[in-house]
Amino acid sequence: MAQQVHEGLLELGQAAASKATWLGAIVGVFGYLKSLFGWVADVNWIGLSGVLIALAGLGMNYYFSKRRDRREQAESNARIEALREQCGLGGPR
């Protein structure tokens, strides 16, 4: 009888320790999420969005400037070739 009581208490203690471990893990996860959301709430969103918008504008400006440069270079080459033909200079030097 004493052995059964001892085994019952041992199982009860193990179950309680297991539940306490899970509870500690859950509280730890919630604490982490709370700190993460606290950081997200603490970020200066106006400043961060301004930086992101500026970077997006810089990227778009670079892309369209490269396209314009290629187009203007092709137009310039065509004009030079047309002037050479008009003047009778022949092909490119």
PDB file of N, CA and C in Angstrom:
ATOM      1  N   MET A   1       0.819  -1.195   0.000  1.00  0.00           N
ATOM      2  CA  MET A   1       0.000   0.000   0.000  1.00  0.00           C
ATOM      3  C   MET A   1       0.863   1.259   0.000  1.00  0.00           C
ATOM      4  N   ALA A   2       1.887   1.290   0.798  1.00  0.00           N
ATOM      5  CA  ALA A   2       2.777   2.443   0.847  1.00  0.00           C
ATOM      6  C   ALA A   2       3.487   2.611  -0.483  1.00  0.00           C
ATOM      7  N   GLN A   3       3.806   1.485  -1.129  1.00  0.00           N
ATOM      8  CA  GLN A   3       4.475   1.530  -2.430  1.00  0.00           C
ATOM      9  C   GLN A   3       3.554   2.159  -3.474  1.00  0.00           C
ATOM     10  N   GLN A   4       2.263   1.827  -3.448  1.00  0.00           N
ATOM     11  CA  GLN A   4       1.312   2.395  -4.401  1.00  0.00           C
ATOM     12  C   GLN A   4       1.144   3.901  -4.178  1.00  0.00           C
ATOM     13  N   VAL A   5       1.113   4.313  -2.917  1.00  0.00           N
ATOM     14  CA  VAL A   5       0.985   5.735  -2.604  1.00  0.00           C
ATOM     15  C   VAL A   5       2.227   6.469  -3.099  1.00  0.00           C
ATOM     16  N   HIS A   6       3.405   5.862  -2.860  1.00  0.00           N
ATOM     17  CA  HIS A   6       4.649   6.473  -3.303  1.00  0.00           C
ATOM     18  C   HIS A   6       4.682   6.599  -4.829  1.00  0.00           C
ATOM     19  N   GLU A   7       4.270   5.571  -5.553  1.00  0.00           N
ATOM     20  CA  GLU A   7       4.239   5.609  -7.017  1.00  0.00           C
ATOM     21  C   GLU A   7       3.211   6.619  -7.511  1.00  0.00           C
ATOM     22  N   GLY A   8       2.072   6.704  -6.819  1.00  0.00           N
ATOM     23  CA  GLY A   8       1.043   7.677  -7.190  1.00  0.00           C
ATOM     24  C   GLY A   8       1.541   9.102  -7.012  1.00  0.00           C
ATOM     25  N   LEU A   9       2.237   9.339  -5.893  1.00  0.00           N
ATOM     26  CA  LEU A   9       2.794  10.676  -5.668  1.00  0.00           C
ATOM     27  C   LEU A   9       3.889  11.000  -6.682  1.00  0.00           C
ATOM     28  N   LEU A  10       4.676   9.980  -7.034  1.00  0.00           N
ATOM     29  CA  LEU A  10       5.725  10.174  -8.020  1.00  0.00           C
ATOM     30  C   LEU A  10       5.132  10.536  -9.384  1.00  0.00           C
ATOM     31  N   GLU A  11       4.073   9.831  -9.786  1.00  0.00           N
ATOM     32  CA  GLU A  11       3.407  10.140 -11.059  1.00  0.00           C
ATOM     33  C   GLU A  11       2.764  11.518 -11.016  1.00  0.00           C
ATOM     34  N   LEU A  12       2.171  11.863  -9.877  1.00  0.00           N
ATOM     35  CA  LEU A  12       1.561  13.181  -9.720  1.00  0.00           C
ATOM     36  C   LEU A  12       2.619  14.280  -9.829  1.00  0.00           C
ATOM     37  N   GLY A  13       3.761  14.045  -9.192  1.00  0.00           N
ATOM     38  CA  GLY A  13       4.852  15.021  -9.258  1.00  0.00           C
ATOM     39  C   GLY A  13       5.389  15.165 -10.674  1.00  0.00           C
ATOM     40  N   GLN A  14       5.515  14.040 -11.376  1.00  0.00           N
ATOM     41  CA  GLN A  14       5.993  14.090 -12.759  1.00  0.00           C
ATOM     42  C   GLN A  14       5.008  14.819 -13.660  1.00  0.00           C
ATOM     43  N   ALA A  15       3.732  14.569 -13.467  1.00  0.00           N
ATOM     44  CA  ALA A  15       2.706  15.243 -14.266  1.00  0.00           C
ATOM     45  C   ALA A  15       2.718  16.750 -13.988  1.00  0.00           C
ATOM     46  N   ALA A  16       2.850  17.105 -12.704  1.00  0.00           N
ATOM     47  CA  ALA A  16       2.880  18.532 -12.347  1.00  0.00           C
ATOM     48  C   ALA A  16       4.127  19.198 -12.928  1.00  0.00           C
ATOM     49  N   ALA A  17       5.259  18.501 -12.872  1.00  0.00           N
ATOM     50  CA  ALA A  17       6.492  19.073 -13.422  1.00  0.00           C
ATOM     51  C   ALA A  17       6.373  19.233 -14.935  1.00  0.00           C
ATOM     52  N   SER A  18       5.762  18.273 -15.606  1.00  0.00           N
ATOM     53  CA  SER A  18       5.582  18.365 -17.047  1.00  0.00           C
ATOM     54  C   SER A  18       4.683  19.537 -17.408  1.00  0.00           C
ATOM     55  N   LYS A  19       3.595  19.696 -16.657  1.00  0.00           N
ATOM     56  CA  LYS A  19       2.679  20.810 -16.925  1.00  0.00           C
ATOM     57  C   LYS A  19       3.358  22.148 -16.631  1.00  0.00           C
ATOM     58  N   ALA A  20       4.168  22.190 -15.591  1.00  0.00           N
ATOM     59  CA  ALA A  20       4.880  23.429 -15.264  1.00  0.00           C
ATOM     60  C   ALA A  20       5.886  23.763 -16.365  1.00  0.00           C
ATOM     61  N   THR A  21       6.530  22.740 -16.918  1.00  0.00           N
ATOM     62  CA  THR A  21       7.475  22.977 -18.013  1.00  0.00           C
ATOM     63  C   THR A  21       6.746  23.536 -19.224  1.00  0.00           C
ATOM     64  N   TRP A  22       5.621  22.943 -19.583  1.00  0.00           N
ATOM     65  CA  TRP A  22       4.840  23.446 -20.713  1.00  0.00           C
ATOM     66  C   TRP A  22       4.345  24.858 -20.451  1.00  0.00           C
ATOM     67  N   LEU A  23       3.894  25.117 -19.235  1.00  0.00           N
ATOM     68  CA  LEU A  23       3.419  26.453 -18.891  1.00  0.00           C
ATOM     69  C   LEU A  23       4.560  27.465 -19.013  1.00  0.00           C
ATOM     70  N   GLY A  24       5.738  27.071 -18.539  1.00  0.00           N
ATOM     71  CA  GLY A  24       6.894  27.963 -18.660  1.00  0.00           C
ATOM     72  C   GLY A  24       7.241  28.228 -20.116  1.00  0.00           C
ATOM     73  N   ALA A  25       7.155  27.195 -20.949  1.00  0.00           N
ATOM     74  CA  ALA A  25       7.444  27.377 -22.372  1.00  0.00           C
ATOM     75  C   ALA A  25       6.418  28.301 -23.017  1.00  0.00           C
ATOM     76  N   ILE A  26       5.158  28.120 -22.682  1.00  0.00           N
ATOM     77  CA  ILE A  26       4.099  28.965 -23.256  1.00  0.00           C
ATOM     78  C   ILE A  26       4.274  30.413 -22.818  1.00  0.00           C
ATOM     79  N   VAL A  27       4.571  30.604 -21.529  1.00  0.00           N
ATOM     80  CA  VAL A  27       4.786  31.963 -21.027  1.00  0.00           C
ATOM     81  C   VAL A  27       6.006  32.580 -21.712  1.00  0.00           C
ATOM     82  N   GLY A  28       7.043  31.777 -21.927  1.00  0.00           N
ATOM     83  CA  GLY A  28       8.228  32.280 -22.616  1.00  0.00           C
ATOM     84  C   GLY A  28       7.915  32.703 -24.036  1.00  0.00           C
ATOM     85  N   VAL A  29       7.120  31.904 -24.749  1.00  0.00           N
ATOM     86  CA  VAL A  29       6.741  32.251 -26.129  1.00  0.00           C
ATOM     87  C   VAL A  29       5.914  33.523 -26.140  1.00  0.00           C
ATOM     88  N   PHE A  30       4.947  33.625 -25.220  1.00  0.00           N
ATOM     89  CA  PHE A  30       4.134  34.837 -25.168  1.00  0.00           C
ATOM     90  C   PHE A  30       4.978  36.049 -24.794  1.00  0.00           C
ATOM     91  N   GLY A  31       5.946  35.853 -23.907  1.00  0.00           N
ATOM     92  CA  GLY A  31       6.839  36.950 -23.554  1.00  0.00           C
ATOM     93  C   GLY A  31       7.660  37.403 -24.751  1.00  0.00           C
ATOM     94  N   TYR A  32       8.132  36.441 -25.530  1.00  0.00           N
ATOM     95  CA  TYR A  32       8.890  36.774 -26.735  1.00  0.00           C
ATOM     96  C   TYR A  32       8.013  37.528 -27.728  1.00  0.00           C
ATOM     97  N   LEU A  33       6.792  37.014 -27.948  1.00  0.00           N
ATOM     98  CA  LEU A  33       5.879  37.687 -28.886  1.00  0.00           C
ATOM     99  C   LEU A  33       5.533  39.088 -28.405  1.00  0.00           C
ATOM    100  N   LYS A  34       5.352  39.229 -27.089  1.00  0.00           N
ATOM    101  CA  LYS A  34       5.043  40.547 -26.548  1.00  0.00           C
ATOM    102  C   LYS A  34       6.204  41.501 -26.787  1.00  0.00           C
ATOM    103  N   SER A  35       7.426  41.032 -26.589  1.00  0.00           N
ATOM    104  CA  SER A  35       8.576  41.906 -26.824  1.00  0.00           C
ATOM    105  C   SER A  35       8.720  42.225 -28.306  1.00  0.00           C
ATOM    106  N   LEU A  36       8.421  41.245 -29.163  1.00  0.00           N
ATOM    107  CA  LEU A  36       8.486  41.476 -30.600  1.00  0.00           C
ATOM    108  C   LEU A  36       7.450  42.508 -31.021  1.00  0.00           C
ATOM    109  N   PHE A  37       6.218  42.346 -30.547  1.00  0.00           N
ATOM    110  CA  PHE A  37       5.180  43.314 -30.886  1.00  0.00           C
ATOM    111  C   PHE A  37       5.465  44.665 -30.250  1.00  0.00           C
ATOM    112  N   GLY A  38       6.105  44.664 -29.098  1.00  0.00           N
ATOM    113  CA  GLY A  38       6.502  45.921 -28.468  1.00  0.00           C
ATOM    114  C   GLY A  38       7.519  46.651 -29.325  1.00  0.00           C
ATOM    115  N   TRP A  39       8.451  45.894 -29.897  1.00  0.00           N
ATOM    116  CA  TRP A  39       9.439  46.510 -30.780  1.00  0.00           C
ATOM    117  C   TRP A  39       8.765  47.067 -32.022  1.00  0.00           C
ATOM    118  N   VAL A  40       7.826  46.286 -32.588  1.00  0.00           N
ATOM    119  CA  VAL A  40       7.116  46.732 -33.791  1.00  0.00           C
ATOM    120  C   VAL A  40       6.320  48.001 -33.485  1.00  0.00           C
ATOM    121  N   ALA A  41       5.717  48.061 -32.298  1.00  0.00           N
ATOM    122  CA  ALA A  41       4.936  49.235 -31.931  1.00  0.00           C
ATOM    123  C   ALA A  41       5.838  50.422 -31.617  1.00  0.00           C
ATOM    124  N   ASP A  42       7.078  50.145 -31.253  1.00  0.00           N
ATOM    125  CA  ASP A  42       7.992  51.202 -30.839  1.00  0.00           C
ATOM    126  C   ASP A  42       8.758  51.812 -32.010  1.00  0.00           C
ATOM    127  N   VAL A  43       8.758  51.155 -33.159  1.00  0.00           N
ATOM    128  CA  VAL A  43       9.516  51.645 -34.313  1.00  0.00           C
ATOM    129  C   VAL A  43       8.886  52.928 -34.833  1.00  0.00           C
ATOM    130  N   ASN A  44       9.733  53.861 -35.249  1.00  0.00           N
ATOM    131  CA  ASN A  44       9.260  55.108 -35.833  1.00  0.00           C
ATOM    132  C   ASN A  44       8.845  54.818 -37.277  1.00  0.00           C
ATOM    133  N   TRP A  45       7.573  54.497 -37.460  1.00  0.00           N
ATOM    134  CA  TRP A  45       7.087  54.054 -38.766  1.00  0.00           C
ATOM    135  C   TRP A  45       7.130  55.150 -39.812  1.00  0.00           C
ATOM    136  N   ILE A  46       6.973  56.387 -39.410  1.00  0.00           N
ATOM    137  CA  ILE A  46       7.010  57.477 -40.383  1.00  0.00           C
ATOM    138  C   ILE A  46       8.424  57.594 -40.959  1.00  0.00           C
ATOM    139  N   GLY A  47       9.415  57.533 -40.094  1.00  0.00           N
ATOM    140  CA  GLY A  47      10.794  57.604 -40.568  1.00  0.00           C
ATOM    141  C   GLY A  47      11.175  56.404 -41.409  1.00  0.00           C
ATOM    142  N   LEU A  48      10.775  55.213 -40.951  1.00  0.00           N
ATOM    143  CA  LEU A  48      11.095  53.992 -41.698  1.00  0.00           C
ATOM    144  C   LEU A  48      10.413  53.980 -43.061  1.00  0.00           C
ATOM    145  N   SER A  49       9.146  54.387 -43.108  1.00  0.00           N
ATOM    146  CA  SER A  49       8.455  54.412 -44.400  1.00  0.00           C
ATOM    147  C   SER A  49       9.066  55.471 -45.318  1.00  0.00           C
ATOM    148  N   GLY A  50       9.533  56.580 -44.759  1.00  0.00           N
ATOM    149  CA  GLY A  50      10.194  57.594 -45.575  1.00  0.00           C
ATOM    150  C   GLY A  50      11.468  57.072 -46.208  1.00  0.00           C
ATOM    151  N   VAL A  51      12.248  56.318 -45.431  1.00  0.00           N
ATOM    152  CA  VAL A  51      13.481  55.735 -45.968  1.00  0.00           C
ATOM    153  C   VAL A  51      13.151  54.727 -47.062  1.00  0.00           C
ATOM    154  N   LEU A  52      12.153  53.873 -46.835  1.00  0.00           N
ATOM    155  CA  LEU A  52      11.790  52.874 -47.840  1.00  0.00           C
ATOM    156  C   LEU A  52      11.269  53.518 -49.125  1.00  0.00           C
ATOM    157  N   ILE A  53      10.479  54.566 -48.990  1.00  0.00           N
ATOM    158  CA  ILE A  53       9.964  55.262 -50.167  1.00  0.00           C
ATOM    159  C   ILE A  53      11.109  55.936 -50.926  1.00  0.00           C
ATOM    160  N   ALA A  54      12.055  56.519 -50.185  1.00  0.00           N
ATOM    161  CA  ALA A  54      13.202  57.147 -50.839  1.00  0.00           C
ATOM    162  C   ALA A  54      14.037  56.117 -51.588  1.00  0.00           C
ATOM    163  N   LEU A  55      14.248  54.944 -50.998  1.00  0.00           N
ATOM    164  CA  LEU A  55      15.008  53.891 -51.679  1.00  0.00           C
ATOM    165  C   LEU A  55      14.282  53.392 -52.925  1.00  0.00           C
ATOM    166  N   ALA A  56      12.955  53.268 -52.833  1.00  0.00           N
ATOM    167  CA  ALA A  56      12.181  52.847 -54.000  1.00  0.00           C
ATOM    168  C   ALA A  56      12.279  53.903 -55.111  1.00  0.00           C
ATOM    169  N   GLY A  57      12.204  55.171 -54.741  1.00  0.00           N
ATOM    170  CA  GLY A  57      12.337  56.246 -55.728  1.00  0.00           C
ATOM    171  C   GLY A  57      13.716  56.260 -56.361  1.00  0.00           C
ATOM    172  N   LEU A  58      14.755  56.011 -55.568  1.00  0.00           N
ATOM    173  CA  LEU A  58      16.108  55.952 -56.105  1.00  0.00           C
ATOM    174  C   LEU A  58      16.252  54.811 -57.113  1.00  0.00           C
ATOM    175  N   GLY A  59      15.695  53.658 -56.781  1.00  0.00           N
ATOM    176  CA  GLY A  59      15.754  52.516 -57.698  1.00  0.00           C
ATOM    177  C   GLY A  59      15.021  52.795 -59.003  1.00  0.00           C
ATOM    178  N   MET A  60      13.838  53.391 -58.909  1.00  0.00           N
ATOM    179  CA  MET A  60      13.073  53.705 -60.119  1.00  0.00           C
ATOM    180  C   MET A  60      13.794  54.752 -60.963  1.00  0.00           C
ATOM    181  N   ASN A  61      14.380  55.751 -60.308  1.00  0.00           N
ATOM    182  CA  ASN A  61      15.111  56.782 -61.026  1.00  0.00           C
ATOM    183  C   ASN A  61      16.301  56.176 -61.768  1.00  0.00           C
ATOM    184  N   TYR A  62      17.023  55.292 -61.129  1.00  0.00           N
ATOM    185  CA  TYR A  62      18.159  54.633 -61.767  1.00  0.00           C
ATOM    186  C   TYR A  62      17.709  53.828 -62.982  1.00  0.00           C
ATOM    187  N   TYR A  63      16.625  53.054 -62.824  1.00  0.00           N
ATOM    188  CA  TYR A  63      16.117  52.218 -63.916  1.00  0.00           C
ATOM    189  C   TYR A  63      15.720  53.057 -65.124  1.00  0.00           C
ATOM    190  N   PHE A  64      14.933  54.099 -64.891  1.00  0.00           N
ATOM    191  CA  PHE A  64      14.452  54.899 -66.019  1.00  0.00           C
ATOM    192  C   PHE A  64      15.555  55.779 -66.604  1.00  0.00           C
ATOM    193  N   SER A  65      16.534  56.177 -65.818  1.00  0.00           N
ATOM    194  CA  SER A  65      17.668  56.925 -66.357  1.00  0.00           C
ATOM    195  C   SER A  65      18.489  56.060 -67.301  1.00  0.00           C
ATOM    196  N   LYS A  66      18.677  54.799 -66.940  1.00  0.00           N
ATOM    197  CA  LYS A  66      19.410  53.890 -67.826  1.00  0.00           C
ATOM    198  C   LYS A  66      18.651  53.691 -69.135  1.00  0.00           C
ATOM    199  N   ARG A  67      17.328  53.554 -69.059  1.00  0.00           N
ATOM    200  CA  ARG A  67      16.538  53.400 -70.284  1.00  0.00           C
ATOM    201  C   ARG A  67      16.646  54.645 -71.152  1.00  0.00           C
ATOM    202  N   ARG A  68      16.540  55.833 -70.524  1.00  0.00           N
ATOM    203  CA  ARG A  68      16.631  57.081 -71.278  1.00  0.00           C
ATOM    204  C   ARG A  68      18.010  57.224 -71.922  1.00  0.00           C
ATOM    205  N   ASP A  69      19.048  56.860 -71.198  1.00  0.00           N
ATOM    206  CA  ASP A  69      20.405  56.956 -71.730  1.00  0.00           C
ATOM    207  C   ASP A  69      20.587  56.057 -72.956  1.00  0.00           C
ATOM    208  N   ARG A  70      20.071  54.821 -72.878  1.00  0.00           N
ATOM    209  CA  ARG A  70      20.167  53.922 -74.040  1.00  0.00           C
ATOM    210  C   ARG A  70      19.394  54.473 -75.234  1.00  0.00           C
ATOM    211  N   ARG A  71      18.214  55.015 -74.985  1.00  0.00           N
ATOM    212  CA  ARG A  71      17.395  55.568 -76.068  1.00  0.00           C
ATOM    213  C   ARG A  71      18.073  56.781 -76.690  1.00  0.00           C
ATOM    214  N   GLU A  72      18.600  57.678 -75.865  1.00  0.00           N
ATOM    215  CA  GLU A  72      19.268  58.867 -76.392  1.00  0.00           C
ATOM    216  C   GLU A  72      20.546  58.500 -77.137  1.00  0.00           C
ATOM    217  N   GLN A  73      21.255  57.488 -76.686  1.00  0.00           N
ATOM    218  CA  GLN A  73      22.462  57.049 -77.385  1.00  0.00           C
ATOM    219  C   GLN A  73      22.113  56.500 -78.766  1.00  0.00           C
ATOM    220  N   ALA A  74      21.027  55.721 -78.846  1.00  0.00           N
ATOM    221  CA  ALA A  74      20.596  55.187 -80.143  1.00  0.00           C
ATOM    222  C   ALA A  74      20.173  56.322 -81.071  1.00  0.00           C
ATOM    223  N   GLU A  75      19.446  57.323 -80.536  1.00  0.00           N
ATOM    224  CA  GLU A  75      19.045  58.470 -81.356  1.00  0.00           C
ATOM    225  C   GLU A  75      20.259  59.252 -81.838  1.00  0.00           C
ATOM    226  N   SER A  76      21.235  59.440 -80.970  1.00  0.00           N
ATOM    227  CA  SER A  76      22.439  60.173 -81.339  1.00  0.00           C
ATOM    228  C   SER A  76      23.208  59.439 -82.435  1.00  0.00           C
ATOM    229  N   ASN A  77      23.340  58.135 -82.289  1.00  0.00           N
ATOM    230  CA  ASN A  77      24.031  57.353 -83.325  1.00  0.00           C
ATOM    231  C   ASN A  77      23.304  57.436 -84.662  1.00  0.00           C
ATOM    232  N   ALA A  78      21.971  57.409 -84.614  1.00  0.00           N
ATOM    233  CA  ALA A  78      21.192  57.505 -85.851  1.00  0.00           C
ATOM    234  C   ALA A  78      21.373  58.877 -86.496  1.00  0.00           C
ATOM    235  N   ARG A  79      21.383  59.949 -85.698  1.00  0.00           N
ATOM    236  CA  ARG A  79      21.588  61.296 -86.239  1.00  0.00           C
ATOM    237  C   ARG A  79      22.985  61.443 -86.855  1.00  0.00           C
ATOM    238  N   ILE A  80      23.975  60.934 -86.156  1.00  0.00           N
ATOM    239  CA  ILE A  80      25.350  61.015 -86.674  1.00  0.00           C
ATOM    240  C   ILE A  80      25.458  60.268 -87.997  1.00  0.00           C
ATOM    241  N   GLU A  81      24.862  59.101 -88.076  1.00  0.00           N
ATOM    242  CA  GLU A  81      24.898  58.313 -89.312  1.00  0.00           C
ATOM    243  C   GLU A  81      24.173  59.043 -90.437  1.00  0.00           C
ATOM    244  N   ALA A  82      23.037  59.670 -90.119  1.00  0.00           N
ATOM    245  CA  ALA A  82      22.287  60.419 -91.139  1.00  0.00           C
ATOM    246  C   ALA A  82      23.096  61.610 -91.627  1.00  0.00           C
ATOM    247  N   LEU A  83      23.790  62.320 -90.741  1.00  0.00           N
ATOM    248  CA  LEU A  83      24.621  63.455 -91.149  1.00  0.00           C
ATOM    249  C   LEU A  83      25.797  63.005 -91.999  1.00  0.00           C
ATOM    250  N   ARG A  84      26.379  61.877 -91.670  1.00  0.00           N
ATOM    251  CA  ARG A  84      27.506  61.353 -92.472  1.00  0.00           C
ATOM    252  C   ARG A  84      27.044  61.015 -93.883  1.00  0.00           C
ATOM    253  N   GLU A  85      25.849  60.418 -93.960  1.00  0.00           N
ATOM    254  CA  GLU A  85      25.310  60.076 -95.286  1.00  0.00           C
ATOM    255  C   GLU A  85      25.009  61.342 -96.076  1.00  0.00           C
ATOM    256  N   GLN A  86      24.475  62.390 -95.413  1.00  0.00           N
ATOM    257  CA  GLN A  86      24.170  63.648 -96.084  1.00  0.00           C
ATOM    258  C   GLN A  86      25.443  64.321 -96.607  1.00  0.00           C
ATOM    259  N   CYS A  87      26.475  64.256 -95.817  1.00  0.00           N
ATOM    260  CA  CYS A  87      27.722  64.922 -96.203  1.00  0.00           C
ATOM    261  C   CYS A  87      28.577  64.053 -97.100  1.00  0.00           C
ATOM    262  N   GLY A  88      28.190  62.829 -97.293  1.00  0.00           N
ATOM    263  CA  GLY A  88      28.940  61.923 -98.145  1.00  0.00           C
ATOM    264  C   GLY A  88      30.254  61.448 -97.526  1.00  0.00           C
ATOM    265  N   LEU A  89      30.283  61.334 -96.192  1.00  0.00           N
ATOM    266  CA  LEU A  89      31.494  60.911 -95.525  1.00  0.00           C
ATOM    267  C   LEU A  89      31.608  59.386 -95.425  1.00  0.00           C
ATOM    268  N   GLY A  90      30.577  58.689 -95.709  1.00  0.00           N
ATOM    269  CA  GLY A  90      30.646  57.237 -95.645  1.00  0.00           C
ATOM    270  C   GLY A  90      30.371  56.711 -94.235  1.00  0.00           C
ATOM    271  N   GLY A  91      30.930  55.554 -93.950  1.00  0.00           N
ATOM    272  CA  GLY A  91      30.662  54.854 -92.690  1.00  0.00           C
ATOM    273  C   GLY A  91      31.386  55.461 -91.501  1.00  0.00           C
ATOM    274  N   PRO A  92      31.228  54.846 -90.371  1.00  0.00           N
ATOM    275  CA  PRO A  92      31.855  55.362 -89.145  1.00  0.00           C
ATOM    276  C   PRO A  92      33.371  55.221 -89.205  1.00  0.00           C
ATOM    277  N   ARG A  93      34.062  56.110 -88.544  1.00  0.00           N
ATOM    278  CA  ARG A  93      35.527  56.097 -88.557  1.00  0.00           C
ATOM    279  C   ARG A  93      36.075  55.174 -87.516  1.00  0.00           C
TER     280      ARG A  93
END
